[in-house]
C-alpha atoms as a PDB file:
ATOM      1  CA  MET A   1      14.195  -1.824 -14.922  1.00  0.00           C
ATOM      2  CA  PRO A   2      16.863  -1.146 -12.923  1.00  0.00           C
ATOM      3  CA  ARG A   3      15.701  -1.557  -8.725  1.00  0.00           C
ATOM      4  CA  GLU A   4      18.279   1.437  -8.024  1.00  0.00           C
ATOM      5  CA  LEU A   5      15.624   3.461 -10.268  1.00  0.00           C
ATOM      6  CA  VAL A   6      12.590   2.745  -8.035  1.00  0.00           C
ATOM      7  CA  HIS A   7      14.159   2.308  -4.402  1.00  0.00           C
ATOM      8  CA  ARG A   8      13.615  -1.556  -4.154  1.00  0.00           C
ATOM      9  CA  SER A   9      16.058  -4.301  -3.559  1.00  0.00           C
ATOM     10  CA  SER A  10      14.128  -7.238  -4.781  1.00  0.00           C
ATOM     11  CA  ILE A  11      13.688  -7.857  -8.557  1.00  0.00           C
ATOM     12  CA  ALA A  12      10.173  -9.083  -7.779  1.00  0.00           C
ATOM     13  CA  GLU A  13       8.877  -6.237  -6.249  1.00  0.00           C
ATOM     14  CA  VAL A  14       9.732  -3.995  -8.999  1.00  0.00           C
ATOM     15  CA  PHE A  15       6.395  -3.447 -10.965  1.00  0.00           C
ATOM     16  CA  VAL A  16       7.579  -0.798 -13.136  1.00  0.00           C
ATOM     17  CA  THR A  17       8.654  -1.961 -16.516  1.00  0.00           C
ATOM     18  CA  ASP A  18       8.954   1.058 -19.117  1.00  0.00           C
ATOM     19  CA  GLY A  19       8.155   3.879 -20.126  1.00  0.00           C
ATOM     20  CA  CYS A  20       8.781   7.165 -22.531  1.00  0.00           C
ATOM     21  CA  ARG A  21       8.611  10.833 -22.647  1.00  0.00           C
ATOM     22  CA  VAL A  22       5.443  12.643 -24.585  1.00  0.00           C
ATOM     23  CA  SER A  23       5.747  15.940 -23.740  1.00  0.00           C
ATOM     24  CA  ASP A  24       8.454  18.045 -22.134  1.00  0.00           C
ATOM     25  CA  SER A  25       5.764  16.819 -18.813  1.00  0.00           C
ATOM     26  CA  ARG A  26       3.950  14.039 -19.491  1.00  0.00           C
ATOM     27  CA  PHE A  27       5.089  10.706 -19.566  1.00  0.00           C
ATOM     28  CA  SER A  28       3.813   7.522 -20.465  1.00  0.00           C
ATOM     29  CA  VAL A  29       4.767   4.559 -17.694  1.00  0.00           C
ATOM     30  CA  ALA A  30       4.400   1.262 -18.228  1.00  0.00           C
ATOM     31  CA  ALA A  31       3.570  -1.557 -15.652  1.00  0.00           C
ATOM     32  CA  GLN A  32       2.936  -5.315 -14.885  1.00  0.00           C
ATOM     33  CA  TRP A  33       1.172  -6.537 -11.589  1.00  0.00           C
ATOM     34  CA  PRO A  34       1.439  -9.862 -10.976  1.00  0.00           C
ATOM     35  CA  ARG A  35      -1.116 -12.413 -11.473  1.00  0.00           C
ATOM     36  CA  ASP A  36      -0.443 -13.170  -7.602  1.00  0.00           C
ATOM     37  CA  HIS A  37       2.017 -11.649  -4.684  1.00  0.00           C
ATOM     38  CA  ALA A  38       2.805 -12.281  -1.186  1.00  0.00           C
ATOM     39  CA  LEU A  39       1.352  -9.211   0.124  1.00  0.00           C
ATOM     40  CA  TYR A  40      -0.634  -7.834  -2.377  1.00  0.00           C
ATOM     41  CA  HIS A  41      -2.656 -10.827  -3.503  1.00  0.00           C
ATOM     42  CA  PRO A  42      -5.817 -10.739  -5.972  1.00  0.00           C
ATOM     43  CA  ASP A  43      -9.139 -10.753  -3.531  1.00  0.00           C
ATOM     44  CA  GLY A  44     -11.481 -13.904  -3.367  1.00  0.00           C
ATOM     45  CA  GLN A  45     -13.371 -12.145  -6.061  1.00  0.00           C
ATOM     46  CA  GLY A  46     -10.153 -12.193  -8.261  1.00  0.00           C
ATOM     47  CA  PHE A  47      -9.750  -8.326  -8.396  1.00  0.00           C
ATOM     48  CA  SER A  48      -6.101  -6.995  -8.006  1.00  0.00           C
ATOM     49  CA  ASP A  49      -4.789  -5.333  -5.038  1.00  0.00           C
ATOM     50  CA  PRO A  50      -5.644  -1.699  -4.739  1.00  0.00           C
ATOM     51  CA  MET A  51      -2.003  -1.002  -3.181  1.00  0.00           C
ATOM     52  CA  LEU A  52      -0.463  -2.456  -6.326  1.00  0.00           C
ATOM     53  CA  PHE A  53      -1.754   0.616  -7.668  1.00  0.00           C
ATOM     54  CA  ALA A  54      -0.622   3.199  -5.078  1.00  0.00           C
ATOM     55  CA  GLU A  55       2.927   1.167  -4.683  1.00  0.00           C
ATOM     56  CA  THR A  56       3.043   1.786  -9.184  1.00  0.00           C
ATOM     57  CA  ILE A  57       2.874   5.295  -8.640  1.00  0.00           C
ATOM     58  CA  ARG A  58       5.301   5.609  -6.205  1.00  0.00           C
ATOM     59  CA  GLN A  59       7.309   4.208  -7.968  1.00  0.00           C
ATOM     60  CA  ALA A  60       6.318   5.782 -11.904  1.00  0.00           C
ATOM     61  CA  LEU A  61       7.256   8.925  -9.825  1.00  0.00           C
ATOM     62  CA  LEU A  62      10.643   8.009  -8.768  1.00  0.00           C
ATOM     63  CA  TYR A  63      11.613   6.320 -12.079  1.00  0.00           C
ATOM     64  CA  VAL A  64      10.288   9.535 -13.896  1.00  0.00           C
ATOM     65  CA  ALA A  65      12.744  11.591 -11.482  1.00  0.00           C
ATOM     66  CA  HIS A  66      15.730   9.738 -12.027  1.00  0.00           C
ATOM     67  CA  GLU A  67      15.134   8.727 -15.479  1.00  0.00           C
ATOM     68  CA  TYR A  68      13.790  12.072 -17.288  1.00  0.00           C
ATOM     69  CA  CYS A  69      13.765  14.858 -14.665  1.00  0.00           C
ATOM     70  CA  GLU A  70      17.559  14.514 -14.044  1.00  0.00           C
ATOM     71  CA  VAL A  71      16.992  13.632  -9.893  1.00  0.00           C
ATOM     72  CA  PRO A  72      20.061  11.716  -9.215  1.00  0.00           C
ATOM     73  CA  LEU A  73      20.495   9.019  -8.117  1.00  0.00           C
ATOM     74  CA  GLY A  74      20.935   8.989  -3.787  1.00  0.00           C
ATOM     75  CA  HIS A  75      18.790  11.498  -3.511  1.00  0.00           C
ATOM     76  CA  ARG A  76      15.730  11.114  -1.044  1.00  0.00           C
ATOM     77  CA  PHE A  77      12.361  11.610  -1.693  1.00  0.00           C
ATOM     78  CA  VAL A  78       9.490  13.003   1.547  1.00  0.00           C
ATOM     79  CA  GLY A  79       6.121  12.139   0.705  1.00  0.00           C
ATOM     80  CA  ARG A  80       3.504  14.191   0.971  1.00  0.00           C
ATOM     81  CA  ASP A  81       0.290  12.838   0.308  1.00  0.00           C
ATOM     82  CA  LEU A  82      -1.094  10.262  -2.165  1.00  0.00           C
ATOM     83  CA  SER A  83      -4.326   9.257  -3.688  1.00  0.00           C
ATOM     84  CA  PHE A  84      -5.633   7.043  -5.727  1.00  0.00           C
ATOM     85  CA  ASP A  85      -9.269   6.332  -7.080  1.00  0.00           C
ATOM     86  CA  ILE A  86      -9.995   2.697  -8.959  1.00  0.00           C
ATOM     87  CA  THR A  87     -13.128   3.809 -10.827  1.00  0.00           C
ATOM     88  CA  ASP A  88     -13.699   0.597 -12.531  1.00  0.00           C
ATOM     89  CA  PRO A  89     -12.411  -2.204 -10.505  1.00  0.00           C
ATOM     90  CA  ALA A  90     -13.471  -4.814 -12.955  1.00  0.00           C
ATOM     91  CA  ALA A  91     -11.137  -3.812 -15.505  1.00  0.00           C
ATOM     92  CA  LEU A  92      -8.676  -4.670 -13.168  1.00  0.00           C
ATOM     93  CA  ARG A  93      -9.404  -8.489 -12.677  1.00  0.00           C
ATOM     94  CA  ILE A  94      -6.982 -11.265 -13.292  1.00  0.00           C
ATOM     95  CA  VAL A  95      -7.954 -12.943 -15.905  1.00  0.00           C
ATOM     96  CA  GLY A  96      -5.292 -15.644 -16.142  1.00  0.00           C
ATOM     97  CA  VAL A  97      -2.111 -13.202 -17.486  1.00  0.00           C
ATOM     98  CA  PRO A  98      -0.217 -10.546 -15.453  1.00  0.00           C
ATOM     99  CA  VAL A  99      -2.353  -7.365 -15.235  1.00  0.00           C
ATOM    100  CA  PRO A 100      -0.625  -4.842 -17.942  1.00  0.00           C
ATOM    101  CA  VAL A 101      -1.192  -1.359 -17.123  1.00  0.00           C
ATOM    102  CA  VAL A 102      -0.138   2.207 -18.081  1.00  0.00           C
ATOM    103  CA  LEU A 103       0.083   5.272 -15.981  1.00  0.00           C
ATOM    104  CA  ASP A 104      -0.593   8.406 -18.082  1.00  0.00           C
ATOM    105  CA  VAL A 105       1.526  10.749 -16.203  1.00  0.00           C
ATOM    106  CA  ARG A 106       2.259  14.144 -15.515  1.00  0.00           C
ATOM    107  CA  TRP A 107       4.938  16.023 -13.645  1.00  0.00           C
ATOM    108  CA  THR A 108       5.251  19.001 -11.993  1.00  0.00           C
ATOM    109  CA  TRP A 109       8.194  20.591 -10.252  1.00  0.00           C
ATOM    110  CA  GLU A 110       6.397  22.330  -6.660  1.00  0.00           C
ATOM    111  CA  GLU A 111       9.017  25.830  -5.903  1.00  0.00           C
ATOM    112  CA  GLY A 112      10.020  26.336  -2.337  1.00  0.00           C
ATOM    113  CA  ARG A 113      11.834  25.129   0.557  1.00  0.00           C
ATOM    114  CA  PRO A 114      12.709  22.165   0.301  1.00  0.00           C
ATOM    115  CA  ARG A 115      11.702  21.683  -3.577  1.00  0.00           C
ATOM    116  CA  GLY A 116       8.637  19.639  -4.311  1.00  0.00           C
ATOM    117  CA  ALA A 117       7.430  17.773  -7.081  1.00  0.00           C
ATOM    118  CA  ARG A 118       4.137  16.250  -8.056  1.00  0.00           C
ATOM    119  CA  ILE A 119       2.926  13.721 -10.409  1.00  0.00           C
ATOM    120  CA  ASP A 120      -0.642  12.870 -11.378  1.00  0.00           C
ATOM    121  CA  VAL A 121      -1.457  10.441 -13.386  1.00  0.00           C
ATOM    122  CA  ARG A 122      -4.389   8.105 -15.255  1.00  0.00           C
ATOM    123  CA  LEU A 123      -4.263   4.780 -15.047  1.00  0.00           C
ATOM    124  CA  LEU A 124      -5.195   2.667 -18.496  1.00  0.00           C
ATOM    125  CA  VAL A 125      -5.697  -0.563 -19.199  1.00  0.00           C
ATOM    126  CA  ASP A 126      -5.955  -1.675 -22.662  1.00  0.00           C
ATOM    127  CA  GLY A 127      -6.337   2.176 -23.476  1.00  0.00           C
ATOM    128  CA  VAL A 128      -9.139   2.419 -21.371  1.00  0.00           C
ATOM    129  CA  GLN A 129      -9.363   4.742 -17.901  1.00  0.00           C
ATOM    130  CA  CYS A 130      -9.873   2.894 -14.970  1.00  0.00           C
ATOM    131  CA  GLY A 131      -8.858   5.022 -12.172  1.00  0.00           C
ATOM    132  CA  SER A 132      -6.233   8.525 -11.543  1.00  0.00           C
ATOM    133  CA  GLY A 133      -3.791   9.553  -8.389  1.00  0.00           C
ATOM    134  CA  THR A 134      -1.507  11.834  -7.386  1.00  0.00           C
ATOM    135  CA  LEU A 135       1.786  11.255  -5.235  1.00  0.00           C
ATOM    136  CA  ARG A 136       3.275  14.667  -3.979  1.00  0.00           C
ATOM    137  CA  VAL A 137       7.025  14.731  -2.526  1.00  0.00           C
ATOM    138  CA  PHE A 138       9.447  17.140  -1.209  1.00  0.00           C
ATOM    139  CA  VAL A 139      13.168  15.890  -3.113  1.00  0.00           C
ATOM    140  CA  LEU A 140      16.188  16.092  -0.923  1.00  0.00           C
ATOM    141  CA  ASP A 141      19.949  15.433  -1.317  1.00  0.00           C
ATOM    142  CA  ASP A 142      21.630  13.997   1.002  1.00  0.00           C
ATOM    143  CA  ARG A 143      22.957  16.961   3.227  1.00  0.00           C
ATOM    144  CA  ARG A 144      19.292  18.463   3.517  1.00  0.00           C
ATOM    145  CA  TYR A 145      17.611  14.862   4.240  1.00  0.00           C
ATOM    146  CA  GLY A 146      20.327  14.577   7.233  1.00  0.00           C
ATOM    147  CA  LEU A 147      19.400  17.967   8.442  1.00  0.00           C
ATOM    148  CA  LEU A 148      15.647  17.301   8.591  1.00  0.00           C
ATOM    149  CA  ARG A 149      16.135  14.095  10.060  1.00  0.00           C
ATOM    150  CA  ARG A 150      18.629  15.457  12.868  1.00  0.00           C
ATOM    151  CA  MET A 151      15.793  17.916  13.499  1.00  0.00           C
ATOM    152  CA  ALA A 152      13.231  15.359  13.974  1.00  0.00           C
ATOM    153  CA  TRP A 153      15.976  13.261  16.273  1.00  0.00           C
ATOM    154  CA  GLY A 154      16.610  16.333  18.084  1.00  0.00           C
ATOM    155  CA  GLY A 155      20.782  15.277  17.996  1.00  0.00           C
ATOM    156  CA  ASP A 156      23.454  13.519  15.090  1.00  0.00           C
ATOM    157  CA  THR A 157      22.163   9.745  16.817  1.00  0.00           C
ATOM    158  CA  PRO A 158      18.661   8.609  15.177  1.00  0.00           C
ATOM    159  CA  PRO A 159      17.020   6.667  17.965  1.00  0.00           C
ATOM    160  CA  VAL A 160      16.855   3.204  18.958  1.00  0.00           C
ATOM    161  CA  PRO A 161      13.834   0.895  17.074  1.00  0.00           C
ATOM    162  CA  VAL A 162      11.479  -0.851  19.285  1.00  0.00           C
ATOM    163  CA  ALA A 163      12.116  -4.627  19.789  1.00  0.00           C
ATOM    164  CA  ARG A 164       9.953  -6.512  17.093  1.00  0.00           C
ATOM    165  CA  SER A 165       6.641  -7.457  18.667  1.00  0.00           C
ATOM    166  CA  THR A 166       5.956 -10.772  20.966  1.00  0.00           C
ATOM    167  CA  SER A 167       3.323 -12.817  20.720  1.00  0.00           C
ATOM    168  CA  ALA A 168       2.196 -11.517  24.189  1.00  0.00           C
ATOM    169  CA  THR A 169       0.500  -8.784  22.376  1.00  0.00           C
ATOM    170  CA  PRO A 170      -2.551 -10.250  20.134  1.00  0.00           C
ATOM    171  CA  LEU A 171      -2.603 -10.010  16.024  1.00  0.00           C
ATOM    172  CA  VAL A 172      -5.591  -9.844  14.476  1.00  0.00           C
ATOM    173  CA  PRO A 173      -5.970 -13.087  12.827  1.00  0.00           C
ATOM    174  CA  PRO A 174      -5.801 -12.771   8.341  1.00  0.00           C
ATOM    175  CA  ARG A 175      -9.102 -13.523   7.119  1.00  0.00           C
ATOM    176  CA  ARG A 176      -9.750 -10.632   9.562  1.00  0.00           C
ATOM    177  CA  VAL A 177      -7.740  -8.241   8.085  1.00  0.00           C
ATOM    178  CA  GLY A 178      -8.226  -9.569   3.871  1.00  0.00           C
ATOM    179  CA  ARG A 179      -4.685 -11.061   4.222  1.00  0.00           C
ATOM    180  CA  LEU A 180      -4.058 -14.780   3.740  1.00  0.00           C
ATOM    181  CA  ARG A 181      -0.692 -15.039   5.725  1.00  0.00           C
ATOM    182  CA  TRP A 182       0.164 -14.388   9.571  1.00  0.00           C
ATOM    183  CA  LYS A 183       2.804 -12.849   9.401  1.00  0.00           C
ATOM    184  CA  ASP A 184       1.718 -10.185   6.898  1.00  0.00           C
ATOM    185  CA  CYS A 185      -0.678  -9.138   9.481  1.00  0.00           C
ATOM    186  CA  VAL A 186      -0.467  -5.775  10.429  1.00  0.00           C
ATOM    187  CA  LEU A 187      -2.878  -5.120  13.359  1.00  0.00           C
ATOM    188  CA  GLU A 188      -2.355  -5.290  17.372  1.00  0.00           C
ATOM    189  CA  ARG A 189      -4.610  -4.732  19.726  1.00  0.00           C
ATOM    190  CA  CYS A 190      -3.173  -3.179  22.929  1.00  0.00           C
ATOM    191  CA  TRP A 191      -5.474  -0.829  24.330  1.00  0.00           C
ATOM    192  CA  PRO A 192      -8.370  -1.250  26.520  1.00  0.00           C
ATOM    193  CA  ASP A 193      -9.995   1.683  24.574  1.00  0.00           C
ATOM    194  CA  GLY A 194     -10.151   0.138  21.244  1.00  0.00           C
ATOM    195  CA  ASP A 195      -7.108   1.930  19.703  1.00  0.00           C
ATOM    196  CA  TRP A 196      -4.940  -0.717  17.545  1.00  0.00           C
ATOM    197  CA  GLN A 197      -0.965  -0.579  16.784  1.00  0.00           C
ATOM    198  CA  LEU A 198       0.365  -0.717  13.849  1.00  0.00           C
ATOM    199  CA  ARG A 199       2.702  -4.144  13.790  1.00  0.00           C
ATOM    200  CA  LEU A 200       6.448  -2.811  12.506  1.00  0.00           C
ATOM    201  CA  ASP A 201       7.739  -6.489  11.128  1.00  0.00           C
ATOM    202  CA  ARG A 202      11.710  -4.818   9.705  1.00  0.00           C
ATOM    203  CA  ASP A 203      12.446  -8.384   8.574  1.00  0.00           C
ATOM    204  CA  HIS A 204       9.138  -8.334   6.101  1.00  0.00           C
ATOM    205  CA  ALA A 205      10.611  -8.789   2.729  1.00  0.00           C
ATOM    206  CA  VAL A 206       7.825  -6.576   1.037  1.00  0.00           C
ATOM    207  CA  LEU A 207       7.294  -3.821   3.313  1.00  0.00           C
ATOM    208  CA  PHE A 208      10.808  -3.171   4.161  1.00  0.00           C
ATOM    209  CA  ASP A 209      12.453  -4.027   1.169  1.00  0.00           C
ATOM    210  CA  HIS A 210      15.648  -2.588   2.566  1.00  0.00           C
ATOM    211  CA  PRO A 211      16.992  -0.960   5.304  1.00  0.00           C
ATOM    212  CA  THR A 212      15.623   2.789   6.466  1.00  0.00           C
ATOM    213  CA  ASP A 213      15.453   5.448   9.011  1.00  0.00           C
ATOM    214  CA  HIS A 214      11.912   5.386   9.704  1.00  0.00           C
ATOM    215  CA  VAL A 215       9.049   4.101   8.771  1.00  0.00           C
ATOM    216  CA  PRO A 216       8.010   3.667   4.645  1.00  0.00           C
ATOM    217  CA  LEU A 217       4.407   5.038   3.921  1.00  0.00           C
ATOM    218  CA  MET A 218       3.410   1.981   2.040  1.00  0.00           C
ATOM    219  CA  VAL A 219       3.373   0.141   5.379  1.00  0.00           C
ATOM    220  CA  LEU A 220       0.936   3.485   7.206  1.00  0.00           C
ATOM    221  CA  MET A 221      -0.659   2.623   4.022  1.00  0.00           C
ATOM    222  CA  GLU A 222      -0.999  -1.218   4.464  1.00  0.00           C
ATOM    223  CA  GLY A 223      -2.305  -0.476   8.069  1.00  0.00           C
ATOM    224  CA  PHE A 224      -5.480   1.997   7.226  1.00  0.00           C
ATOM    225  CA  ARG A 225      -5.962  -0.520   4.436  1.00  0.00           C
ATOM    226  CA  GLN A 226      -6.346  -3.778   7.133  1.00  0.00           C
ATOM    227  CA  LEU A 227      -8.040  -1.489   9.671  1.00  0.00           C
ATOM    228  CA  GLY A 228     -10.858  -0.289   7.175  1.00  0.00           C
ATOM    229  CA  HIS A 229     -10.932  -3.904   5.935  1.00  0.00           C
ATOM    230  CA  LEU A 230     -11.735  -5.000   9.505  1.00  0.00           C
ATOM    231  CA  CYS A 231     -13.924  -2.218  10.188  1.00  0.00           C
ATOM    232  CA  VAL A 232     -16.043  -2.119   6.623  1.00  0.00           C
ATOM    233  CA  HIS A 233     -16.880  -6.356   6.972  1.00  0.00           C
ATOM    234  CA  GLU A 234     -17.887  -6.737  10.847  1.00  0.00           C
ATOM    235  CA  GLN A 235     -20.253  -3.362  10.467  1.00  0.00           C
ATOM    236  CA  VAL A 236     -22.048  -4.364   7.424  1.00  0.00           C
ATOM    237  CA  GLU A 237     -25.076  -6.539   7.786  1.00  0.00           C
ATOM    238  CA  GLU A 238     -24.979  -8.940   5.365  1.00  0.00           C
ATOM    239  CA  PRO A 239     -21.774 -11.181   6.707  1.00  0.00           C
ATOM    240  CA  ASP A 240     -21.563 -12.552   2.940  1.00  0.00           C
ATOM    241  CA  GLN A 241     -21.007  -8.721   1.153  1.00  0.00           C
ATOM    242  CA  VAL A 242     -17.811  -7.900  -0.165  1.00  0.00           C
ATOM    243  CA  PHE A 243     -16.169  -4.453  -0.124  1.00  0.00           C
ATOM    244  CA  ALA A 244     -13.303  -3.215  -1.561  1.00  0.00           C
ATOM    245  CA  LEU A 245     -10.933  -0.650  -1.236  1.00  0.00           C
ATOM    246  CA  VAL A 246     -11.456   2.080  -3.869  1.00  0.00           C
ATOM    247  CA  GLY A 247     -10.295   5.177  -2.515  1.00  0.00           C
ATOM    248  CA  SER A 248      -7.931   6.525  -0.397  1.00  0.00           C
ATOM    249  CA  GLN A 249      -6.305   9.934   0.025  1.00  0.00           C
ATOM    250  CA  VAL A 250      -3.391   9.964   2.258  1.00  0.00           C
ATOM    251  CA  GLU A 251      -1.986  13.236   4.254  1.00  0.00           C
ATOM    252  CA  CYS A 252       1.033  12.894   5.284  1.00  0.00           C
ATOM    253  CA  ALA A 253       2.222  15.394   8.610  1.00  0.00           C
ATOM    254  CA  ALA A 254       5.694  14.192  10.642  1.00  0.00           C
ATOM    255  CA  PHE A 255       7.813  11.539   9.875  1.00  0.00           C
ATOM    256  CA  ALA A 256       6.833   7.799  11.066  1.00  0.00           C
ATOM    257  CA  GLU A 257       9.988   6.851  13.460  1.00  0.00           C
ATOM    258  CA  LEU A 258      11.083   3.665  14.450  1.00  0.00           C
ATOM    259  CA  ASP A 259      11.395   3.764  18.145  1.00  0.00           C
ATOM    260  CA  ALA A 260       8.090   4.266  19.702  1.00  0.00           C
ATOM    261  CA  PRO A 261       4.912   2.653  18.866  1.00  0.00           C
ATOM    262  CA  ILE A 262       1.958   3.769  16.104  1.00  0.00           C
ATOM    263  CA  ARG A 263      -1.428   3.790  17.021  1.00  0.00           C
ATOM    264  CA  LEU A 264      -4.425   3.621  14.662  1.00  0.00           C
ATOM    265  CA  VAL A 265      -7.094   5.568  15.411  1.00  0.00           C
ATOM    266  CA  VAL A 266     -10.837   5.105  13.588  1.00  0.00           C
ATOM    267  CA  GLU A 267     -11.775   9.060  13.342  1.00  0.00           C
ATOM    268  CA  GLN A 268     -14.783   8.549  11.357  1.00  0.00           C
ATOM    269  CA  SER A 269     -17.087   5.578   9.889  1.00  0.00           C
ATOM    270  CA  VAL A 270     -20.151   6.518   7.535  1.00  0.00           C
ATOM    271  CA  PRO A 271     -21.531   3.338   6.336  1.00  0.00           C
ATOM    272  CA  GLY A 272     -23.417   3.486   2.428  1.00  0.00           C
ATOM    273  CA  ALA A 273     -27.762   3.572   2.855  1.00  0.00           C
ATOM    274  CA  GLY A 274     -27.311   0.089   0.900  1.00  0.00           C
ATOM    275  CA  ALA A 275     -26.000  -3.138   0.943  1.00  0.00           C
ATOM    276  CA  THR A 276     -23.893  -2.077  -2.163  1.00  0.00           C
ATOM    277  CA  ASP A 277     -23.553   1.570  -1.188  1.00  0.00           C
ATOM    278  CA  PRO A 278     -19.902   3.372  -1.087  1.00  0.00           C
ATOM    279  CA  PHE A 279     -18.709   2.944   2.964  1.00  0.00           C
ATOM    280  CA  ARG A 280     -16.317   5.568   3.882  1.00  0.00           C
ATOM    281  CA  LEU A 281     -13.835   5.672   6.576  1.00  0.00           C
ATOM    282  CA  ARG A 282     -11.326   8.236   8.449  1.00  0.00           C
ATOM    283  CA  VAL A 283      -8.341   6.811  10.304  1.00  0.00           C
ATOM    284  CA  ALA A 284      -5.202   8.937  11.583  1.00  0.00           C
ATOM    285  CA  ALA A 285      -1.616   7.281  12.438  1.00  0.00           C
ATOM    286  CA  LEU A 286      -0.339   8.723  15.966  1.00  0.00           C
ATOM    287  CA  GLN A 287       2.769   7.883  17.752  1.00  0.00           C
ATOM    288  CA  GLY A 288       2.235   9.600  21.078  1.00  0.00           C
ATOM    289  CA  ASP A 289       0.519  13.115  21.047  1.00  0.00           C
ATOM    290  CA  THR A 290       2.186  13.322  17.132  1.00  0.00           C
ATOM    291  CA  LEU A 291      -0.527  13.116  14.332  1.00  0.00           C
ATOM    292  CA  LEU A 292       1.703  10.944  11.536  1.00  0.00           C
ATOM    293  CA  ALA A 293      -0.663  11.023   8.554  1.00  0.00           C
ATOM    294  CA  ARG A 294      -4.135  11.049   8.006  1.00  0.00           C
ATOM    295  CA  THR A 295      -6.373   8.614   5.347  1.00  0.00           C
ATOM    296  CA  ASP A 296     -10.181   8.884   3.912  1.00  0.00           C
ATOM    297  CA  MET A 297     -10.892   5.539   2.457  1.00  0.00           C
ATOM    298  CA  MET A 298     -13.818   4.852   0.294  1.00  0.00           C
ATOM    299  CA  TRP A 299     -15.127   1.268   0.007  1.00  0.00           C
ATOM    300  CA  ALA A 300     -17.174  -0.229  -2.931  1.00  0.00           C
ATOM    301  CA  GLY A 301     -19.652  -2.792  -2.722  1.00  0.00           C
ATOM    302  CA  MET A 302     -18.424  -5.614  -4.771  1.00  0.00           C
ATOM    303  CA  GLY A 303     -21.366  -8.282  -4.525  1.00  0.00           C
ATOM    304  CA  PRO A 304     -22.146 -11.389  -2.110  1.00  0.00           C
ATOM    305  CA  CYS A 305     -18.602 -13.226  -1.547  1.00  0.00           C
ATOM    306  CA  PRO A 306     -18.255 -16.468  -4.050  1.00  0.00           C
ATOM    307  CA  ALA A 307     -18.709 -20.467  -2.456  1.00  0.00           C
ATOM    308  CA  PRO A 308     -15.320 -21.876  -2.159  1.00  0.00           C
ATOM    309  CA  PRO A 309     -14.144 -24.435  -5.136  1.00  0.00           C
ATOM    310  CA  ALA A 310     -15.277 -28.042  -4.683  1.00  0.00           C
ATOM    311  CA  VAL A 311     -11.962 -29.883  -2.994  1.00  0.00           C
ATOM    312  CA  GLY A 312     -11.380 -33.286  -4.629  1.00  0.00           C
ATOM    313  CA  ARG A 313     -11.231 -35.926  -2.016  1.00  0.00           C
ATOM    314  CA  TRP A 314      -7.439 -37.754  -2.251  1.00  0.00           C
ATOM    315  CA  PRO A 315      -7.398 -41.815  -4.015  1.00  0.00           C
ATOM    316  CA  GLU A 316      -7.649 -44.275  -1.126  1.00  0.00           C
ATOM    317  CA  PRO A 317      -5.021 -45.970  -0.115  1.00  0.00           C
ATOM    318  CA  ALA A 318      -5.878 -49.342  -1.600  1.00  0.00           C
ATOM    319  CA  SER A 319      -6.003 -47.523  -5.037  1.00  0.00           C
ATOM    320  CA  LEU A 320      -2.340 -47.416  -4.481  1.00  0.00           C
ATOM    321  CA  THR A 321      -1.082 -51.122  -4.321  1.00  0.00           C
ATOM    322  CA  GLY A 322       0.476 -50.646  -7.423  1.00  0.00           C
ATOM    323  CA  PHE A 323       2.925 -48.576  -5.895  1.00  0.00           C
ATOM    324  CA  ALA A 324       5.901 -49.976  -4.328  1.00  0.00           C
ATOM    325  CA  PRO A 325       5.971 -49.852  -0.395  1.00  0.00           C
END
């Protein structure tokens, strides 16, 4: 799959592998999810990261647009809303090989100024549906996109991005947000009233795969996901209970600019009645007083956290006497 068809610079970040037209408005798009990934890694129970589904929906829309719907390369896609639901997480468990998925895609043009496009997808593994999703975007040529961005900037020159966060701002430890590496943590605690700030590392190889004039939607979604993981696992009364993100509906309201801090605010938190009942969260992203996006997330209880595997001991130095010093 050529990288430019899914707007990626790194071939390692291309998850769509092939596709074909089924009818005038329906397409079958194949993808392969990695067994492991620097950012979108499986959780402790071996379930695929749900963000792989969101990213695959994004790539599927771009691929279908360029390959089958006559949208030229170089056109811009501005996200309006994205949603997904995973109805059978067990079907996405990694069992020794990369997860082969197929998206049954229905394409719809949405008339207006500017023109829009929408895909509705069914997620299939071994021919069995285990999820669904939707993505809507505006489709713009370079001239119209430039006009739109200059309106947002208030001039012809883009604002200067804020400097990268320093160690003076406390990052959330990776384990508290479901990540493995410090560099993948995108939450900073900066407000005494309990709000959070989105950490933007423009050198991050996955979240900022290529240069951009605004904060990508997938970066906002990663911030939503990490804050959701933190809130859910710190509010449940059973510390060993594991929750997984199984549903997210994101509505975009404005461009997220690179020149000002972005706050993430929990607007609603509704725990389930029981330990395994869904936990619902509503989180908003704001830049100053401007609403950028809002998400409604559903987290499902997946049972107790498995015990870590036993770690073997290294041989004692005396057993290595056969080796030359």
